[in-house]
Amino acid sequence: MKRFTPAEMARMKETLYVGLARGDINMREATRQMRKILGMNQKNYARKVAAISPRILSEFENGSGNPTLVTLEKIASPFGLKVTFLPPESWRMKAKKEASGDL
């Protein structure tokens, strides 16, 4: 996989974070993007970064796995991400409007 410059990696991380915040990408796609940012395949990301089995990462990314919360935290933590509950999008949009005074 391609290695990116620090500036490219920073832009890619920002795109990842914005996509997650907007709800445009799910956890599986976010995981793929994190690996891409680091220029790693599933096997290397699983073993060297997340310290999990490559099979578990592969099954999660492909939609056939059901990882534990601890495993999800291992996958997400290298990027400073937290596994959390979010309110429905309609409530998040309402909170944004209230914060900006648009209500």
Protein backbone atom coordinates (compact mmCIF):
# COMPACT_ATOMS: atom_id res chain seq x y z
CA MET A 1 0.00 0.00 0.00
CA LYS A 2 1.04 3.57 -0.62
CA ARG A 3 2.71 5.58 2.13
CA PHE A 4 1.45 9.14 2.49
CA THR A 5 3.23 12.30 3.59
CA PRO A 6 2.36 13.72 7.03
CA ALA A 7 0.34 16.49 5.35
CA GLU A 8 -1.62 13.98 3.26
CA MET A 9 -2.24 11.85 6.35
CA ALA A 10 -3.52 14.90 8.26
CA ARG A 11 -5.98 15.73 5.45
CA MET A 12 -7.13 12.12 5.28
CA LYS A 13 -7.66 12.00 9.06
CA GLU A 14 -9.70 15.19 8.91
CA THR A 15 -11.86 13.70 6.16
CA LEU A 16 -12.29 10.56 8.27
CA TYR A 17 -13.30 12.51 11.38
CA VAL A 18 -15.74 14.73 9.46
CA GLY A 19 -17.30 11.70 7.76
CA LEU A 20 -17.79 10.00 11.11
CA ALA A 21 -19.19 13.13 12.74
CA ARG A 22 -21.69 13.60 9.94
CA GLY A 23 -22.64 9.93 9.94
CA ASP A 24 -21.53 9.60 6.32
CA ILE A 25 -19.37 6.55 7.02
CA ASN A 26 -19.84 3.59 9.33
CA MET A 27 -17.33 1.89 11.60
CA ARG A 28 -16.35 -0.69 9.00
CA GLU A 29 -15.58 1.94 6.38
CA ALA A 30 -13.77 4.05 8.99
CA THR A 31 -11.56 1.06 9.77
CA ARG A 32 -10.69 0.64 6.09
CA GLN A 33 -9.86 4.34 5.86
CA MET A 34 -7.67 4.19 8.97
CA ARG A 35 -5.68 1.34 7.46
CA LYS A 36 -5.35 3.25 4.18
CA ILE A 37 -4.07 6.35 5.99
CA LEU A 38 -1.35 4.23 7.59
CA GLY A 39 -0.66 2.38 4.33
CA MET A 40 -1.37 -1.00 5.92
CA ASN A 41 -3.20 -4.13 4.89
CA GLN A 42 -5.61 -5.93 7.24
CA LYS A 43 -3.00 -8.36 8.52
CA ASN A 44 -0.48 -5.67 9.48
CA TYR A 45 -3.04 -3.29 11.00
CA ALA A 46 -4.55 -6.12 13.03
CA ARG A 47 -1.25 -7.43 14.36
CA LYS A 48 0.94 -4.32 14.60
CA VAL A 49 -1.53 -1.57 15.45
CA ALA A 50 -4.67 -3.05 16.99
CA ALA A 51 -3.06 -6.18 18.50
CA ILE A 52 -5.95 -8.39 17.39
CA SER A 53 -6.30 -11.41 15.12
CA PRO A 54 -6.26 -10.59 11.39
CA ARG A 55 -9.27 -12.90 11.00
CA ILE A 56 -11.30 -10.80 13.45
CA LEU A 57 -10.46 -7.59 11.58
CA SER A 58 -11.23 -9.16 8.22
CA GLU A 59 -14.60 -10.50 9.39
CA PHE A 60 -15.50 -7.13 10.93
CA GLU A 61 -14.63 -5.16 7.80
CA ASN A 62 -16.52 -7.63 5.60
CA GLY A 63 -19.63 -7.51 7.77
CA SER A 64 -19.57 -11.13 8.91
CA GLY A 65 -17.94 -10.56 12.30
CA ASN A 66 -19.33 -9.30 15.57
CA PRO A 67 -16.34 -8.01 17.56
CA THR A 68 -16.48 -7.27 21.26
CA LEU A 69 -16.44 -3.72 22.58
CA VAL A 70 -12.83 -4.24 23.70
CA THR A 71 -11.87 -5.27 20.15
CA LEU A 72 -13.63 -2.26 18.64
CA GLU A 73 -11.76 -0.01 21.06
CA LYS A 74 -8.45 -1.59 20.00
CA ILE A 75 -9.31 -0.93 16.36
CA ALA A 76 -10.36 2.69 16.96
CA SER A 77 -7.95 3.91 19.65
CA PRO A 78 -4.86 4.46 17.43
CA PHE A 79 -6.81 7.30 15.80
CA GLY A 80 -8.11 8.71 19.07
CA LEU A 81 -11.61 7.44 18.36
CA LYS A 82 -14.00 6.18 21.01
CA VAL A 83 -16.74 3.59 20.68
CA THR A 84 -19.86 5.35 21.92
CA PHE A 85 -23.61 5.71 21.74
CA LEU A 86 -24.95 8.58 19.63
CA PRO A 87 -28.44 10.01 19.67
CA PRO A 88 -30.47 9.68 16.47
CA GLU A 89 -29.44 12.05 13.67
CA SER A 90 -32.59 14.14 14.10
CA TRP A 91 -31.51 14.95 17.67
CA ARG A 92 -27.94 15.73 16.61
CA MET A 93 -29.28 18.13 13.97
CA LYS A 94 -31.54 19.74 16.57
CA ALA A 95 -28.59 20.21 18.93
CA LYS A 96 -26.56 21.84 16.13
CA LYS A 97 -29.40 24.26 15.38
CA GLU A 98 -29.85 25.13 19.05
CA ALA A 99 -26.11 25.74 19.44
CA SER A 100 -26.10 28.09 16.44
CA GLY A 101 -29.29 29.87 17.55
CA ASP A 102 -31.26 28.87 14.45
CA LEU A 103 -34.29 27.58 16.37
